Amino acid sequence: MRCQVTTTNLPEEALRLVKENDYDYLVTDMKMPVMDGLELIRSVSSLQLSKPPEIIAISGGVSNDYEQLVKESEILAFVSKPFRSIISM
């Protein structure tokens, strides 16, 4: 299986990249400057893409209210930090 990854630390650039490219997945932190993850998720959803990316949201110390907002969004998964990576060979 081949995988190509594009990274950015700017949510505005992530939104532009999603508009211009056909991604399978979008992984976003929920707490970012300028535009938070929830705004990014809603912005991506509003693009009405023919094949929108599956969204994985990541955050630490999230309140129940914030988790509920995320659950109402169209996301594939929510991952709480800190998390440990699992490597299997």
PDB file of N, CA and C in Angstrom:
ATOM      1  N   MET A   1       0.842  -1.175   0.000  1.00  0.00           N
ATOM      2  CA  MET A   1       0.000   0.000   0.000  1.00  0.00           C
ATOM      3  C   MET A   1       0.886   1.236   0.000  1.00  0.00           C
ATOM      4  N   ARG A   2       0.629   2.142  -0.918  1.00  0.00           N
ATOM      5  CA  ARG A   2       1.368   3.403  -0.979  1.00  0.00           C
ATOM      6  C   ARG A   2       0.549   4.496  -0.332  1.00  0.00           C
ATOM      7  N   CYS A   3       1.265   5.431   0.263  1.00  0.00           N
ATOM      8  CA  CYS A   3       0.595   6.536   0.944  1.00  0.00           C
ATOM      9  C   CYS A   3       1.408   7.803   0.709  1.00  0.00           C
ATOM     10  N   GLN A   4       0.744   8.856   0.328  1.00  0.00           N
ATOM     11  CA  GLN A   4       1.391  10.154   0.172  1.00  0.00           C
ATOM     12  C   GLN A   4       0.794  11.094   1.212  1.00  0.00           C
ATOM     13  N   VAL A   5       1.655  11.785   1.946  1.00  0.00           N
ATOM     14  CA  VAL A   5       1.218  12.656   3.036  1.00  0.00           C
ATOM     15  C   VAL A   5       1.599  14.095   2.718  1.00  0.00           C
ATOM     16  N   THR A   6       0.655  15.006   2.919  1.00  0.00           N
ATOM     17  CA  THR A   6       0.897  16.436   2.800  1.00  0.00           C
ATOM     18  C   THR A   6       0.691  17.036   4.184  1.00  0.00           C
ATOM     19  N   THR A   7       1.622  17.877   4.635  1.00  0.00           N
ATOM     20  CA  THR A   7       1.478  18.468   5.966  1.00  0.00           C
ATOM     21  C   THR A   7       1.477  19.988   5.886  1.00  0.00           C
ATOM     22  N   THR A   8       0.796  20.571   6.853  1.00  0.00           N
ATOM     23  CA  THR A   8       0.828  22.013   7.046  1.00  0.00           C
ATOM     24  C   THR A   8       0.469  22.284   8.499  1.00  0.00           C
ATOM     25  N   ASN A   9       0.945  23.374   9.032  1.00  0.00           N
ATOM     26  CA  ASN A   9       0.564  23.748  10.393  1.00  0.00           C
ATOM     27  C   ASN A   9      -0.395  24.938  10.392  1.00  0.00           C
ATOM     28  N   LEU A  10      -0.916  25.270   9.217  1.00  0.00           N
ATOM     29  CA  LEU A  10      -1.851  26.381   9.089  1.00  0.00           C
ATOM     30  C   LEU A  10      -3.206  25.876   8.611  1.00  0.00           C
ATOM     31  N   PRO A  11      -4.262  26.047   9.410  1.00  0.00           N
ATOM     32  CA  PRO A  11      -5.580  25.564   9.002  1.00  0.00           C
ATOM     33  C   PRO A  11      -6.085  26.188   7.698  1.00  0.00           C
ATOM     34  N   GLU A  12      -5.751  27.453   7.462  1.00  0.00           N
ATOM     35  CA  GLU A  12      -6.187  28.110   6.225  1.00  0.00           C
ATOM     36  C   GLU A  12      -5.547  27.434   5.017  1.00  0.00           C
ATOM     37  N   GLU A  13      -4.287  27.045   5.153  1.00  0.00           N
ATOM     38  CA  GLU A  13      -3.605  26.346   4.063  1.00  0.00           C
ATOM     39  C   GLU A  13      -4.197  24.946   3.884  1.00  0.00           C
ATOM     40  N   ALA A  14      -4.549  24.296   4.988  1.00  0.00           N
ATOM     41  CA  ALA A  14      -5.177  22.976   4.902  1.00  0.00           C
ATOM     42  C   ALA A  14      -6.480  23.063   4.115  1.00  0.00           C
ATOM     43  N   LEU A  15      -7.275  24.081   4.374  1.00  0.00           N
ATOM     44  CA  LEU A  15      -8.526  24.269   3.648  1.00  0.00           C
ATOM     45  C   LEU A  15      -8.263  24.487   2.157  1.00  0.00           C
ATOM     46  N   ARG A  16      -7.270  25.301   1.849  1.00  0.00           N
ATOM     47  CA  ARG A  16      -6.909  25.537   0.441  1.00  0.00           C
ATOM     48  C   ARG A  16      -6.470  24.236  -0.226  1.00  0.00           C
ATOM     49  N   LEU A  17      -5.647  23.454   0.469  1.00  0.00           N
ATOM     50  CA  LEU A  17      -5.161  22.191  -0.085  1.00  0.00           C
ATOM     51  C   LEU A  17      -6.305  21.210  -0.336  1.00  0.00           C
ATOM     52  N   VAL A  18      -7.273  21.162   0.575  1.00  0.00           N
ATOM     53  CA  VAL A  18      -8.422  20.274   0.396  1.00  0.00           C
ATOM     54  C   VAL A  18      -9.247  20.714  -0.809  1.00  0.00           C
ATOM     55  N   LYS A  19      -9.352  22.023  -1.029  1.00  0.00           N
ATOM     56  CA  LYS A  19     -10.083  22.538  -2.196  1.00  0.00           C
ATOM     57  C   LYS A  19      -9.393  22.136  -3.500  1.00  0.00           C
ATOM     58  N   GLU A  20      -8.051  22.148  -3.484  1.00  0.00           N
ATOM     59  CA  GLU A  20      -7.271  21.967  -4.711  1.00  0.00           C
ATOM     60  C   GLU A  20      -6.862  20.523  -4.993  1.00  0.00           C
ATOM     61  N   ASN A  21      -7.015  19.621  -4.025  1.00  0.00           N
ATOM     62  CA  ASN A  21      -6.541  18.247  -4.175  1.00  0.00           C
ATOM     63  C   ASN A  21      -7.619  17.264  -3.749  1.00  0.00           C
ATOM     64  N   ASP A  22      -7.420  16.031  -4.121  1.00  0.00           N
ATOM     65  CA  ASP A  22      -8.362  14.967  -3.798  1.00  0.00           C
ATOM     66  C   ASP A  22      -7.728  14.076  -2.720  1.00  0.00           C
ATOM     67  N   TYR A  23      -7.973  14.397  -1.448  1.00  0.00           N
ATOM     68  CA  TYR A  23      -7.400  13.647  -0.333  1.00  0.00           C
ATOM     69  C   TYR A  23      -8.386  12.601   0.180  1.00  0.00           C
ATOM     70  N   ASP A  24      -7.846  11.480   0.630  1.00  0.00           N
ATOM     71  CA  ASP A  24      -8.676  10.449   1.257  1.00  0.00           C
ATOM     72  C   ASP A  24      -8.963  10.793   2.711  1.00  0.00           C
ATOM     73  N   TYR A  25      -7.963  11.368   3.397  1.00  0.00           N
ATOM     74  CA  TYR A  25      -8.085  11.672   4.827  1.00  0.00           C
ATOM     75  C   TYR A  25      -7.573  13.072   5.140  1.00  0.00           C
ATOM     76  N   LEU A  26      -8.173  13.664   6.161  1.00  0.00           N
ATOM     77  CA  LEU A  26      -7.704  14.926   6.729  1.00  0.00           C
ATOM     78  C   LEU A  26      -7.586  14.695   8.236  1.00  0.00           C
ATOM     79  N   VAL A  27      -6.381  14.851   8.762  1.00  0.00           N
ATOM     80  CA  VAL A  27      -6.151  14.714  10.195  1.00  0.00           C
ATOM     81  C   VAL A  27      -5.891  16.113  10.733  1.00  0.00           C
ATOM     82  N   THR A  28      -6.696  16.530  11.718  1.00  0.00           N
ATOM     83  CA  THR A  28      -6.563  17.885  12.241  1.00  0.00           C
ATOM     84  C   THR A  28      -6.587  17.907  13.761  1.00  0.00           C
ATOM     85  N   ASP A  29      -5.775  18.779  14.327  1.00  0.00           N
ATOM     86  CA  ASP A  29      -5.856  19.061  15.753  1.00  0.00           C
ATOM     87  C   ASP A  29      -7.058  19.977  15.944  1.00  0.00           C
ATOM     88  N   MET A  30      -7.641  19.952  17.111  1.00  0.00           N
ATOM     89  CA  MET A  30      -8.811  20.791  17.358  1.00  0.00           C
ATOM     90  C   MET A  30      -8.427  22.179  17.868  1.00  0.00           C
ATOM     91  N   LYS A  31      -7.286  22.284  18.520  1.00  0.00           N
ATOM     92  CA  LYS A  31      -6.876  23.580  19.069  1.00  0.00           C
ATOM     93  C   LYS A  31      -5.724  24.133  18.248  1.00  0.00           C
ATOM     94  N   MET A  32      -6.057  25.110  17.410  1.00  0.00           N
ATOM     95  CA  MET A  32      -5.070  25.757  16.553  1.00  0.00           C
ATOM     96  C   MET A  32      -5.338  27.254  16.571  1.00  0.00           C
ATOM     97  N   PRO A  33      -4.315  28.046  16.283  1.00  0.00           N
ATOM     98  CA  PRO A  33      -4.528  29.494  16.221  1.00  0.00           C
ATOM     99  C   PRO A  33      -5.326  29.888  14.976  1.00  0.00           C
ATOM    100  N   VAL A  34      -5.953  31.015  15.026  1.00  0.00           N
ATOM    101  CA  VAL A  34      -6.716  31.635  13.942  1.00  0.00           C
ATOM    102  C   VAL A  34      -8.017  30.872  13.645  1.00  0.00           C
ATOM    103  N   MET A  35      -7.923  29.631  13.200  1.00  0.00           N
ATOM    104  CA  MET A  35      -9.094  28.803  12.890  1.00  0.00           C
ATOM    105  C   MET A  35      -8.937  27.496  13.665  1.00  0.00           C
ATOM    106  N   ASP A  36      -9.899  27.170  14.535  1.00  0.00           N
ATOM    107  CA  ASP A  36      -9.760  25.920  15.274  1.00  0.00           C
ATOM    108  C   ASP A  36     -10.215  24.746  14.414  1.00  0.00           C
ATOM    109  N   GLY A  37     -10.001  23.545  14.914  1.00  0.00           N
ATOM    110  CA  GLY A  37     -10.323  22.346  14.149  1.00  0.00           C
ATOM    111  C   GLY A  37     -11.787  22.224  13.786  1.00  0.00           C
ATOM    112  N   LEU A  38     -12.662  22.637  14.692  1.00  0.00           N
ATOM    113  CA  LEU A  38     -14.093  22.566  14.410  1.00  0.00           C
ATOM    114  C   LEU A  38     -14.461  23.482  13.237  1.00  0.00           C
ATOM    115  N   GLU A  39     -13.878  24.678  13.202  1.00  0.00           N
ATOM    116  CA  GLU A  39     -14.110  25.588  12.068  1.00  0.00           C
ATOM    117  C   GLU A  39     -13.593  24.971  10.771  1.00  0.00           C
ATOM    118  N   LEU A  40     -12.420  24.332  10.841  1.00  0.00           N
ATOM    119  CA  LEU A  40     -11.854  23.694   9.653  1.00  0.00           C
ATOM    120  C   LEU A  40     -12.770  22.573   9.178  1.00  0.00           C
ATOM    121  N   ILE A  41     -13.253  21.741  10.112  1.00  0.00           N
ATOM    122  CA  ILE A  41     -14.151  20.643   9.751  1.00  0.00           C
ATOM    123  C   ILE A  41     -15.417  21.177   9.087  1.00  0.00           C
ATOM    124  N   ARG A  42     -16.003  22.205   9.672  1.00  0.00           N
ATOM    125  CA  ARG A  42     -17.226  22.788   9.100  1.00  0.00           C
ATOM    126  C   ARG A  42     -16.955  23.422   7.732  1.00  0.00           C
ATOM    127  N   SER A  43     -15.794  24.060   7.586  1.00  0.00           N
ATOM    128  CA  SER A  43     -15.437  24.674   6.301  1.00  0.00           C
ATOM    129  C   SER A  43     -15.259  23.614   5.225  1.00  0.00           C
ATOM    130  N   VAL A  44     -14.605  22.508   5.567  1.00  0.00           N
ATOM    131  CA  VAL A  44     -14.418  21.418   4.600  1.00  0.00           C
ATOM    132  C   VAL A  44     -15.773  20.834   4.226  1.00  0.00           C
ATOM    133  N   SER A  45     -16.647  20.630   5.209  1.00  0.00           N
ATOM    134  CA  SER A  45     -17.978  20.076   4.938  1.00  0.00           C
ATOM    135  C   SER A  45     -18.789  20.995   4.026  1.00  0.00           C
ATOM    136  N   SER A  46     -18.619  22.299   4.178  1.00  0.00           N
ATOM    137  CA  SER A  46     -19.393  23.252   3.375  1.00  0.00           C
ATOM    138  C   SER A  46     -18.908  23.351   1.931  1.00  0.00           C
ATOM    139  N   LEU A  47     -17.764  22.760   1.609  1.00  0.00           N
ATOM    140  CA  LEU A  47     -17.235  22.823   0.245  1.00  0.00           C
ATOM    141  C   LEU A  47     -18.058  21.994  -0.735  1.00  0.00           C
ATOM    142  N   GLN A  48     -18.855  21.069  -0.233  1.00  0.00           N
ATOM    143  CA  GLN A  48     -19.682  20.209  -1.089  1.00  0.00           C
ATOM    144  C   GLN A  48     -18.825  19.489  -2.140  1.00  0.00           C
ATOM    145  N   LEU A  49     -17.721  18.912  -1.685  1.00  0.00           N
ATOM    146  CA  LEU A  49     -16.827  18.178  -2.579  1.00  0.00           C
ATOM    147  C   LEU A  49     -17.492  16.885  -3.031  1.00  0.00           C
ATOM    148  N   SER A  50     -17.195  16.457  -4.250  1.00  0.00           N
ATOM    149  CA  SER A  50     -17.774  15.203  -4.738  1.00  0.00           C
ATOM    150  C   SER A  50     -17.252  14.011  -3.940  1.00  0.00           C
ATOM    151  N   LYS A  51     -16.022  14.088  -3.483  1.00  0.00           N
ATOM    152  CA  LYS A  51     -15.435  13.039  -2.646  1.00  0.00           C
ATOM    153  C   LYS A  51     -14.691  13.712  -1.490  1.00  0.00           C
ATOM    154  N   PRO A  52     -15.408  14.093  -0.440  1.00  0.00           N
ATOM    155  CA  PRO A  52     -14.737  14.773   0.680  1.00  0.00           C
ATOM    156  C   PRO A  52     -13.824  13.816   1.437  1.00  0.00           C
ATOM    157  N   PRO A  53     -12.769  14.344   2.046  1.00  0.00           N
ATOM    158  CA  PRO A  53     -11.879  13.468   2.810  1.00  0.00           C
ATOM    159  C   PRO A  53     -12.548  13.003   4.103  1.00  0.00           C
ATOM    160  N   GLU A  54     -12.184  11.798   4.540  1.00  0.00           N
ATOM    161  CA  GLU A  54     -12.579  11.332   5.867  1.00  0.00           C
ATOM    162  C   GLU A  54     -11.775  12.157   6.865  1.00  0.00           C
ATOM    163  N   ILE A  55     -12.408  12.619   7.939  1.00  0.00           N
ATOM    164  CA  ILE A  55     -11.738  13.520   8.879  1.00  0.00           C
ATOM    165  C   ILE A  55     -11.469  12.808  10.200  1.00  0.00           C
ATOM    166  N   ILE A  56     -10.239  12.938  10.675  1.00  0.00           N
ATOM    167  CA  ILE A  56      -9.834  12.430  11.979  1.00  0.00           C
ATOM    168  C   ILE A  56      -9.420  13.634  12.806  1.00  0.00           C
ATOM    169  N   ALA A  57     -10.114  13.851  13.923  1.00  0.00           N
ATOM    170  CA  ALA A  57      -9.839  14.995  14.800  1.00  0.00           C
ATOM    171  C   ALA A  57      -9.041  14.522  16.005  1.00  0.00           C
ATOM    172  N   ILE A  58      -8.048  15.338  16.404  1.00  0.00           N
ATOM    173  CA  ILE A  58      -7.175  15.007  17.528  1.00  0.00           C
ATOM    174  C   ILE A  58      -7.148  16.179  18.496  1.00  0.00           C
ATOM    175  N   SER A  59      -7.250  15.890  19.801  1.00  0.00           N
ATOM    176  CA  SER A  59      -7.138  16.955  20.790  1.00  0.00           C
ATOM    177  C   SER A  59      -6.910  16.380  22.176  1.00  0.00           C
ATOM    178  N   GLY A  60      -6.395  17.204  23.055  1.00  0.00           N
ATOM    179  CA  GLY A  60      -6.205  16.831  24.447  1.00  0.00           C
ATOM    180  C   GLY A  60      -6.991  17.764  25.343  1.00  0.00           C
ATOM    181  N   GLY A  61      -7.441  17.262  26.468  1.00  0.00           N
ATOM    182  CA  GLY A  61      -8.152  18.092  27.435  1.00  0.00           C
ATOM    183  C   GLY A  61      -9.428  18.699  26.909  1.00  0.00           C
ATOM    184  N   VAL A  62     -10.199  17.943  26.170  1.00  0.00           N
ATOM    185  CA  VAL A  62     -11.408  18.463  25.549  1.00  0.00           C
ATOM    186  C   VAL A  62     -12.587  18.307  26.507  1.00  0.00           C
ATOM    187  N   SER A  63     -13.403  19.330  26.595  1.00  0.00           N
ATOM    188  CA  SER A  63     -14.582  19.281  27.464  1.00  0.00           C
ATOM    189  C   SER A  63     -15.687  18.457  26.806  1.00  0.00           C
ATOM    190  N   ASN A  64     -16.672  18.042  27.600  1.00  0.00           N
ATOM    191  CA  ASN A  64     -17.812  17.282  27.074  1.00  0.00           C
ATOM    192  C   ASN A  64     -18.574  18.083  26.031  1.00  0.00           C
ATOM    193  N   ASP A  65     -18.713  19.396  26.250  1.00  0.00           N
ATOM    194  CA  ASP A  65     -19.417  20.247  25.280  1.00  0.00           C
ATOM    195  C   ASP A  65     -18.703  20.232  23.937  1.00  0.00           C
ATOM    196  N   TYR A  66     -17.387  20.313  23.978  1.00  0.00           N
ATOM    197  CA  TYR A  66     -16.599  20.347  22.746  1.00  0.00           C
ATOM    198  C   TYR A  66     -16.668  19.005  22.040  1.00  0.00           C
ATOM    199  N   GLU A  67     -16.605  17.909  22.827  1.00  0.00           N
ATOM    200  CA  GLU A  67     -16.711  16.579  22.233  1.00  0.00           C
ATOM    201  C   GLU A  67     -18.060  16.407  21.539  1.00  0.00           C
ATOM    202  N   GLN A  68     -19.132  16.937  22.132  1.00  0.00           N
ATOM    203  CA  GLN A  68     -20.458  16.843  21.523  1.00  0.00           C
ATOM    204  C   GLN A  68     -20.490  17.584  20.192  1.00  0.00           C
ATOM    205  N   LEU A  69     -19.871  18.750  20.139  1.00  0.00           N
ATOM    206  CA  LEU A  69     -19.815  19.496  18.884  1.00  0.00           C
ATOM    207  C   LEU A  69     -19.080  18.695  17.812  1.00  0.00           C
ATOM    208  N   VAL A  70     -18.013  18.030  18.214  1.00  0.00           N
ATOM    209  CA  VAL A  70     -17.254  17.225  17.257  1.00  0.00           C
ATOM    210  C   VAL A  70     -18.096  16.047  16.787  1.00  0.00           C
ATOM    211  N   LYS A  71     -18.813  15.403  17.706  1.00  0.00           N
ATOM    212  CA  LYS A  71     -19.646  14.257  17.340  1.00  0.00           C
ATOM    213  C   LYS A  71     -20.727  14.643  16.344  1.00  0.00           C
ATOM    214  N   GLU A  72     -21.195  15.879  16.401  1.00  0.00           N
ATOM    215  CA  GLU A  72     -22.225  16.343  15.473  1.00  0.00           C
ATOM    216  C   GLU A  72     -21.656  16.642  14.082  1.00  0.00           C
ATOM    217  N   SER A  73     -20.356  16.781  13.999  1.00  0.00           N
ATOM    218  CA  SER A  73     -19.713  17.036  12.712  1.00  0.00           C
ATOM    219  C   SER A  73     -19.505  15.721  11.980  1.00  0.00           C
ATOM    220  N   GLU A  74     -19.189  15.832  10.721  1.00  0.00           N
ATOM    221  CA  GLU A  74     -18.968  14.640   9.911  1.00  0.00           C
ATOM    222  C   GLU A  74     -17.508  14.219  10.006  1.00  0.00           C
ATOM    223  N   ILE A  75     -17.205  13.414  11.040  1.00  0.00           N
ATOM    224  CA  ILE A  75     -15.836  12.944  11.211  1.00  0.00           C
ATOM    225  C   ILE A  75     -15.808  11.427  11.307  1.00  0.00           C
ATOM    226  N   LEU A  76     -14.681  10.867  10.930  1.00  0.00           N
ATOM    227  CA  LEU A  76     -14.490   9.425  10.988  1.00  0.00           C
ATOM    228  C   LEU A  76     -14.120   8.986  12.404  1.00  0.00           C
ATOM    229  N   ALA A  77     -13.249   9.768  13.065  1.00  0.00           N
ATOM    230  CA  ALA A  77     -12.768   9.382  14.388  1.00  0.00           C
ATOM    231  C   ALA A  77     -12.312  10.596  15.172  1.00  0.00           C
ATOM    232  N   PHE A  78     -12.358  10.455  16.490  1.00  0.00           N
ATOM    233  CA  PHE A  78     -11.832  11.464  17.401  1.00  0.00           C
ATOM    234  C   PHE A  78     -10.802  10.772  18.277  1.00  0.00           C
ATOM    235  N   VAL A  79      -9.587  11.322  18.338  1.00  0.00           N
ATOM    236  CA  VAL A  79      -8.491  10.736  19.108  1.00  0.00           C
ATOM    237  C   VAL A  79      -8.077  11.728  20.182  1.00  0.00           C
ATOM    238  N   SER A  80      -8.075  11.263  21.442  1.00  0.00           N
ATOM    239  CA  SER A  80      -7.644  12.116  22.558  1.00  0.00           C
ATOM    240  C   SER A  80      -6.142  12.004  22.747  1.00  0.00           C
ATOM    241  N   LYS A  81      -5.496  13.135  23.035  1.00  0.00           N
ATOM    242  CA  LYS A  81      -4.066  13.144  23.353  1.00  0.00           C
ATOM    243  C   LYS A  81      -3.925  13.099  24.868  1.00  0.00           C
ATOM    244  N   PRO A  82      -2.865  12.601  25.402  1.00  0.00           N
ATOM    245  CA  PRO A  82      -1.755  11.982  24.660  1.00  0.00           C
ATOM    246  C   PRO A  82      -2.124  10.571  24.206  1.00  0.00           C
ATOM    247  N   PHE A  83      -1.522  10.159  23.127  1.00  0.00           N
ATOM    248  CA  PHE A  83      -1.720   8.792  22.638  1.00  0.00           C
ATOM    249  C   PHE A  83      -0.365   8.212  22.318  1.00  0.00           C
ATOM    250  N   ARG A  84      -0.314   6.919  22.298  1.00  0.00           N
ATOM    251  CA  ARG A  84       0.935   6.210  21.978  1.00  0.00           C
ATOM    252  C   ARG A  84       0.774   5.537  20.632  1.00  0.00           C
ATOM    253  N   SER A  85       1.820   5.587  19.865  1.00  0.00           N
ATOM    254  CA  SER A  85       1.762   4.905  18.571  1.00  0.00           C
ATOM    255  C   SER A  85       2.023   3.413  18.778  1.00  0.00           C
ATOM    256  N   ILE A  86       1.403   2.619  17.967  1.00  0.00           N
ATOM    257  CA  ILE A  86       1.581   1.173  18.010  1.00  0.00           C
ATOM    258  C   ILE A  86       2.197   0.768  16.684  1.00  0.00           C
ATOM    259  N   ILE A  87       3.319   0.124  16.762  1.00  0.00           N
ATOM    260  CA  ILE A  87       4.012  -0.314  15.549  1.00  0.00           C
ATOM    261  C   ILE A  87       4.004  -1.825  15.531  1.00  0.00           C
ATOM    262  N   SER A  88       3.449  -2.398  14.487  1.00  0.00           N
ATOM    263  CA  SER A  88       3.470  -3.856  14.364  1.00  0.00           C
ATOM    264  C   SER A  88       4.225  -4.223  13.089  1.00  0.00           C
ATOM    265  N   MET A  89       4.960  -5.276  13.178  1.00  0.00           N
ATOM    266  CA  MET A  89       5.746  -5.695  12.013  1.00  0.00           C
ATOM    267  C   MET A  89       5.457  -7.129  11.687  1.00  0.00           C
TER     268      MET A  89
END
